[in-house]
C-alpha atoms as a PDB file:
ATOM      1  CA  MET A   1     -12.361  19.935  -7.764  1.00  0.00           C
ATOM      2  CA  MET A   2     -12.520  17.854  -4.585  1.00  0.00           C
ATOM      3  CA  TYR A   3      -9.614  16.408  -2.650  1.00  0.00           C
ATOM      4  CA  ALA A   4      -9.495  13.565  -0.151  1.00  0.00           C
ATOM      5  CA  LYS A   5      -7.147  13.522   2.824  1.00  0.00           C
ATOM      6  CA  VAL A   6      -6.144   9.870   3.132  1.00  0.00           C
ATOM      7  CA  ILE A   7      -4.279   7.930   5.795  1.00  0.00           C
ATOM      8  CA  VAL A   8      -2.420   5.136   4.005  1.00  0.00           C
ATOM      9  CA  GLY A   9      -2.639   1.710   5.621  1.00  0.00           C
ATOM     10  CA  LEU A  10       0.974   1.538   6.784  1.00  0.00           C
ATOM     11  CA  ASN A  11       2.046   1.182  10.399  1.00  0.00           C
ATOM     12  CA  GLN A  12       5.330   3.074  10.161  1.00  0.00           C
ATOM     13  CA  PRO A  13       5.292   6.165  12.407  1.00  0.00           C
ATOM     14  CA  GLU A  14       6.917   8.294   9.671  1.00  0.00           C
ATOM     15  CA  MET A  15       3.931   7.534   7.393  1.00  0.00           C
ATOM     16  CA  ASP A  16       1.391   8.454  10.081  1.00  0.00           C
ATOM     17  CA  LYS A  17       0.130  11.557   8.315  1.00  0.00           C
ATOM     18  CA  LEU A  18      -2.575  12.500   5.854  1.00  0.00           C
ATOM     19  CA  PHE A  19      -1.834  12.540   2.135  1.00  0.00           C
ATOM     20  CA  ASP A  20      -3.879  14.582  -0.332  1.00  0.00           C
ATOM     21  CA  TYR A  21      -5.399  12.844  -3.364  1.00  0.00           C
ATOM     22  CA  ARG A  22      -7.511  14.308  -6.136  1.00  0.00           C
ATOM     23  CA  ILE A  23     -10.932  12.713  -6.529  1.00  0.00           C
ATOM     24  CA  PRO A  24     -11.289  12.027 -10.281  1.00  0.00           C
ATOM     25  CA  GLU A  25     -14.300  13.175 -12.290  1.00  0.00           C
ATOM     26  CA  GLY A  26     -17.178  10.739 -11.931  1.00  0.00           C
ATOM     27  CA  MET A  27     -15.876   9.203  -8.695  1.00  0.00           C
ATOM     28  CA  THR A  28     -17.467   9.955  -5.360  1.00  0.00           C
ATOM     29  CA  ALA A  29     -15.802   9.466  -2.013  1.00  0.00           C
ATOM     30  CA  GLU A  30     -17.143  10.060   1.459  1.00  0.00           C
ATOM     31  CA  ILE A  31     -15.407  10.468   4.777  1.00  0.00           C
ATOM     32  CA  GLY A  32     -14.666   7.044   6.258  1.00  0.00           C
ATOM     33  CA  VAL A  33     -14.483   5.005   3.026  1.00  0.00           C
ATOM     34  CA  ARG A  34     -11.674   2.614   2.174  1.00  0.00           C
ATOM     35  CA  VAL A  35      -9.798   3.506  -1.002  1.00  0.00           C
ATOM     36  CA  ILE A  36      -6.957   2.266  -3.150  1.00  0.00           C
ATOM     37  CA  VAL A  37      -4.321   4.898  -3.900  1.00  0.00           C
ATOM     38  CA  PRO A  38      -0.978   5.054  -5.709  1.00  0.00           C
ATOM     39  CA  PHE A  39       1.666   5.461  -3.032  1.00  0.00           C
ATOM     40  CA  GLY A  40       5.344   6.268  -3.025  1.00  0.00           C
ATOM     41  CA  SER A  41       7.713   6.963  -5.871  1.00  0.00           C
ATOM     42  CA  ARG A  42       6.761   3.700  -7.604  1.00  0.00           C
ATOM     43  CA  ASN A  43       3.019   4.372  -7.248  1.00  0.00           C
ATOM     44  CA  LYS A  44       2.446   1.007  -5.622  1.00  0.00           C
ATOM     45  CA  LYS A  45      -1.234   0.384  -4.912  1.00  0.00           C
ATOM     46  CA  ALA A  46      -2.024   0.822  -1.235  1.00  0.00           C
ATOM     47  CA  GLU A  47      -5.163   0.716   0.850  1.00  0.00           C
ATOM     48  CA  GLY A  48      -6.094   3.869   2.694  1.00  0.00           C
ATOM     49  CA  TYR A  49      -8.984   5.552   4.451  1.00  0.00           C
ATOM     50  CA  VAL A  50     -10.542   8.932   3.660  1.00  0.00           C
ATOM     51  CA  ILE A  51     -10.306  11.005   6.821  1.00  0.00           C
ATOM     52  CA  SER A  52     -11.601  14.286   5.414  1.00  0.00           C
ATOM     53  CA  LEU A  53     -12.613  16.029   2.198  1.00  0.00           C
ATOM     54  CA  SER A  54     -11.618  19.475   0.991  1.00  0.00           C
ATOM     55  CA  GLU A  55     -12.050  21.798  -1.958  1.00  0.00           C
ATOM     56  CA  LYS A  56      -8.437  22.988  -1.579  1.00  0.00           C
ATOM     57  CA  THR A  57      -5.020  21.424  -1.304  1.00  0.00           C
ATOM     58  CA  GLU A  58      -1.561  22.780  -0.624  1.00  0.00           C
ATOM     59  CA  VAL A  59       0.065  20.022  -2.703  1.00  0.00           C
ATOM     60  CA  SER A  60       1.367  21.192  -6.077  1.00  0.00           C
ATOM     61  CA  ALA A  61      -0.483  19.865  -9.126  1.00  0.00           C
ATOM     62  CA  ASP A  62       2.585  17.980 -10.414  1.00  0.00           C
ATOM     63  CA  LYS A  63       2.885  16.003  -7.150  1.00  0.00           C
ATOM     64  CA  LEU A  64      -0.820  15.347  -6.639  1.00  0.00           C
ATOM     65  CA  LYS A  65      -2.104  11.844  -7.395  1.00  0.00           C
ATOM     66  CA  GLU A  66      -5.657  10.596  -7.927  1.00  0.00           C
ATOM     67  CA  LEU A  67      -7.650   8.032  -5.992  1.00  0.00           C
ATOM     68  CA  LEU A  68      -7.650   4.789  -7.978  1.00  0.00           C
ATOM     69  CA  GLU A  69     -10.681   3.086  -6.490  1.00  0.00           C
ATOM     70  CA  VAL A  70     -13.308   3.464  -3.781  1.00  0.00           C
ATOM     71  CA  LEU A  71     -13.909   0.121  -2.047  1.00  0.00           C
ATOM     72  CA  ASP A  72     -16.988  -1.420  -0.429  1.00  0.00           C
ATOM     73  CA  GLU A  73     -19.337   0.130  -3.007  1.00  0.00           C
ATOM     74  CA  GLY A  74     -18.631   3.525  -1.456  1.00  0.00           C
ATOM     75  CA  ARG A  75     -20.093   2.623   1.939  1.00  0.00           C
ATOM     76  CA  PRO A  76     -18.060   4.213   4.735  1.00  0.00           C
ATOM     77  CA  THR A  77     -16.199   1.766   6.943  1.00  0.00           C
ATOM     78  CA  PHE A  78     -15.785   4.379   9.672  1.00  0.00           C
ATOM     79  CA  THR A  79     -18.343   6.839  10.970  1.00  0.00           C
ATOM     80  CA  PRO A  80     -17.185  10.309  12.084  1.00  0.00           C
ATOM     81  CA  ALA A  81     -17.543   9.101  15.699  1.00  0.00           C
ATOM     82  CA  LEU A  82     -15.235   6.125  15.011  1.00  0.00           C
ATOM     83  CA  LEU A  83     -12.690   8.409  13.324  1.00  0.00           C
ATOM     84  CA  ASP A  84     -12.776  10.631  16.420  1.00  0.00           C
ATOM     85  CA  LEU A  85     -12.287   7.544  18.595  1.00  0.00           C
ATOM     86  CA  ALA A  86      -9.283   6.482  16.493  1.00  0.00           C
ATOM     87  CA  GLU A  87      -7.733   9.963  16.858  1.00  0.00           C
ATOM     88  CA  TRP A  88      -8.266   9.802  20.632  1.00  0.00           C
ATOM     89  CA  MET A  89      -6.718   6.308  20.765  1.00  0.00           C
ATOM     90  CA  LYS A  90      -3.709   7.521  18.797  1.00  0.00           C
ATOM     91  CA  GLU A  91      -3.030  10.289  21.325  1.00  0.00           C
ATOM     92  CA  ARG A  92      -3.840   8.191  24.384  1.00  0.00           C
ATOM     93  CA  TYR A  93      -1.904   5.030  23.468  1.00  0.00           C
ATOM     94  CA  PHE A  94       0.947   6.521  21.400  1.00  0.00           C
ATOM     95  CA  CYS A  95       0.386   4.466  18.264  1.00  0.00           C
ATOM     96  CA  THR A  96      -0.295   5.263  14.621  1.00  0.00           C
ATOM     97  CA  LEU A  97      -3.708   6.284  13.352  1.00  0.00           C
ATOM     98  CA  ASN A  98      -3.657   3.277  11.029  1.00  0.00           C
ATOM     99  CA  GLN A  99      -3.113   0.920  13.986  1.00  0.00           C
ATOM    100  CA  CYS A 100      -6.119   2.466  15.714  1.00  0.00           C
ATOM    101  CA  LEU A 101      -8.274   2.157  12.594  1.00  0.00           C
ATOM    102  CA  GLN A 102      -7.241  -1.491  12.190  1.00  0.00           C
ATOM    103  CA  ALA A 103      -8.216  -2.163  15.806  1.00  0.00           C
ATOM    104  CA  ILE A 104     -11.742  -0.768  15.392  1.00  0.00           C
ATOM    105  CA  MET A 105     -12.335  -1.963  11.819  1.00  0.00           C
ATOM    106  CA  PRO A 106     -15.202  -4.421  11.444  1.00  0.00           C
ATOM    107  CA  PRO A 107     -13.855  -7.958  10.933  1.00  0.00           C
ATOM    108  CA  GLY A 108     -13.613  -9.488   7.501  1.00  0.00           C
ATOM    109  CA  ILE A 109     -13.202  -6.408   5.339  1.00  0.00           C
ATOM    110  CA  ARG A 110      -9.471  -5.808   5.330  1.00  0.00           C
ATOM    111  CA  THR A 111      -7.731  -6.021   2.004  1.00  0.00           C
ATOM    112  CA  LYS A 112      -5.387  -8.982   1.922  1.00  0.00           C
ATOM    113  CA  SER A 113      -1.787  -8.003   1.339  1.00  0.00           C
ATOM    114  CA  SER A 114       0.718 -10.057  -0.545  1.00  0.00           C
ATOM    115  CA  TRP A 115       4.482 -10.096  -0.820  1.00  0.00           C
ATOM    116  CA  THR A 116       6.204 -10.134  -4.150  1.00  0.00           C
ATOM    117  CA  VAL A 117       9.829 -10.455  -5.108  1.00  0.00           C
ATOM    118  CA  SER A 118      11.161  -8.248  -7.874  1.00  0.00           C
ATOM    119  CA  ARG A 119      14.319  -8.816  -9.809  1.00  0.00           C
ATOM    120  CA  LYS A 120      17.064  -6.294 -10.182  1.00  0.00           C
ATOM    121  CA  SER A 121      18.219  -5.026 -13.536  1.00  0.00           C
ATOM    122  CA  LEU A 122      21.451  -6.734 -14.509  1.00  0.00           C
ATOM    123  CA  ASP A 123      24.171  -5.542 -16.816  1.00  0.00           C
ATOM    124  CA  ALA A 124      26.255  -7.795 -19.056  1.00  0.00           C
ATOM    125  CA  GLU A 125      29.168  -7.960 -16.565  1.00  0.00           C
ATOM    126  CA  THR A 126      27.101  -9.185 -13.630  1.00  0.00           C
ATOM    127  CA  LYS A 127      28.347 -12.536 -12.397  1.00  0.00           C
ATOM    128  CA  LEU A 128      25.669 -14.778 -10.895  1.00  0.00           C
ATOM    129  CA  THR A 129      26.098 -17.644  -8.484  1.00  0.00           C
ATOM    130  CA  PRO A 130      24.309 -20.917  -9.265  1.00  0.00           C
ATOM    131  CA  LYS A 131      21.614 -20.052  -6.682  1.00  0.00           C
ATOM    132  CA  GLU A 132      21.096 -16.636  -8.256  1.00  0.00           C
ATOM    133  CA  THR A 133      20.889 -18.169 -11.731  1.00  0.00           C
ATOM    134  CA  ALA A 134      18.270 -20.672 -10.542  1.00  0.00           C
ATOM    135  CA  LEU A 135      16.267 -17.928  -8.883  1.00  0.00           C
ATOM    136  CA  LEU A 136      16.471 -15.695 -11.956  1.00  0.00           C
ATOM    137  CA  ALA A 137      15.212 -18.576 -14.118  1.00  0.00           C
ATOM    138  CA  LEU A 138      12.006 -18.637 -12.049  1.00  0.00           C
ATOM    139  CA  PHE A 139      11.204 -15.116 -13.227  1.00  0.00           C
ATOM    140  CA  GLY A 140      11.223 -15.847 -16.960  1.00  0.00           C
ATOM    141  CA  GLU A 141       9.827 -12.681 -18.555  1.00  0.00           C
ATOM    142  CA  ARG A 142       8.076 -11.541 -15.370  1.00  0.00           C
ATOM    143  CA  ARG A 143       9.332  -8.563 -13.383  1.00  0.00           C
ATOM    144  CA  GLU A 144       7.739  -9.753 -10.104  1.00  0.00           C
ATOM    145  CA  ILE A 145       6.808 -13.105  -8.593  1.00  0.00           C
ATOM    146  CA  PRO A 146       4.520 -13.675  -5.584  1.00  0.00           C
ATOM    147  CA  LEU A 147       6.710 -14.867  -2.711  1.00  0.00           C
ATOM    148  CA  PRO A 148       4.786 -18.140  -2.188  1.00  0.00           C
ATOM    149  CA  ASP A 149       5.406 -19.020  -5.861  1.00  0.00           C
ATOM    150  CA  ILE A 150       9.157 -18.903  -5.328  1.00  0.00           C
ATOM    151  CA  SER A 151       8.955 -21.477  -2.563  1.00  0.00           C
ATOM    152  CA  ALA A 152       6.575 -23.647  -4.593  1.00  0.00           C
ATOM    153  CA  GLU A 153       8.279 -23.344  -7.988  1.00  0.00           C
ATOM    154  CA  GLY A 154      11.782 -23.233  -6.557  1.00  0.00           C
ATOM    155  CA  ARG A 155      11.144 -26.136  -4.179  1.00  0.00           C
ATOM    156  CA  GLY A 156      12.383 -24.271  -1.142  1.00  0.00           C
ATOM    157  CA  LYS A 157      14.688 -21.792  -2.868  1.00  0.00           C
ATOM    158  CA  GLY A 158      12.767 -18.860  -1.389  1.00  0.00           C
ATOM    159  CA  ALA A 159      15.576 -18.458   1.152  1.00  0.00           C
ATOM    160  CA  ALA A 160      17.914 -17.681  -1.719  1.00  0.00           C
ATOM    161  CA  CYS A 161      16.079 -14.392  -2.300  1.00  0.00           C
ATOM    162  CA  ALA A 162      18.255 -12.419   0.070  1.00  0.00           C
ATOM    163  CA  GLU A 163      21.432 -14.003  -1.264  1.00  0.00           C
ATOM    164  CA  ALA A 164      20.346 -13.324  -4.843  1.00  0.00           C
ATOM    165  CA  GLY A 165      19.529  -9.685  -4.164  1.00  0.00           C
ATOM    166  CA  ALA A 166      15.810 -10.085  -4.872  1.00  0.00           C
ATOM    167  CA  ALA A 167      13.904  -7.692  -2.661  1.00  0.00           C
ATOM    168  CA  PRO A 168      10.474  -8.432  -1.171  1.00  0.00           C
ATOM    169  CA  GLN A 169       7.928  -5.779  -2.207  1.00  0.00           C
END
């Protein structure tokens, strides 16, 4: 069994560490490739970069997650020399490894991110304001809505998100 040590594409300093992921049967991953991984307690899809490979992991089997996808047809985005440069930059300029990788990444290959708004679960006693009711109507049966859709469908009601308790994802 092979494991990939992945830096997830987040710029928060507390997330500036390597996470272990199992490489599923039939999938190959090399050092330097971009990958999609489940991240966090909700297993939200996130872009990451394989920094190293190992035959062992210290993560317990029940907490270990698998790589979901290898991007760019498995071609490494970063060479070992570029990964070394990014590590040096991180130490020299006091920033996250992800920020360094973003700075040296070839243009045009970054995964586009999008913001979504998810609705909260409501119980029968929840009282909604008219703005909240209008915002909730935009969801219909959906659990999430892309943020630009709220502005378009709601004709400018996107600002009501915070008031309605809808949280950007």
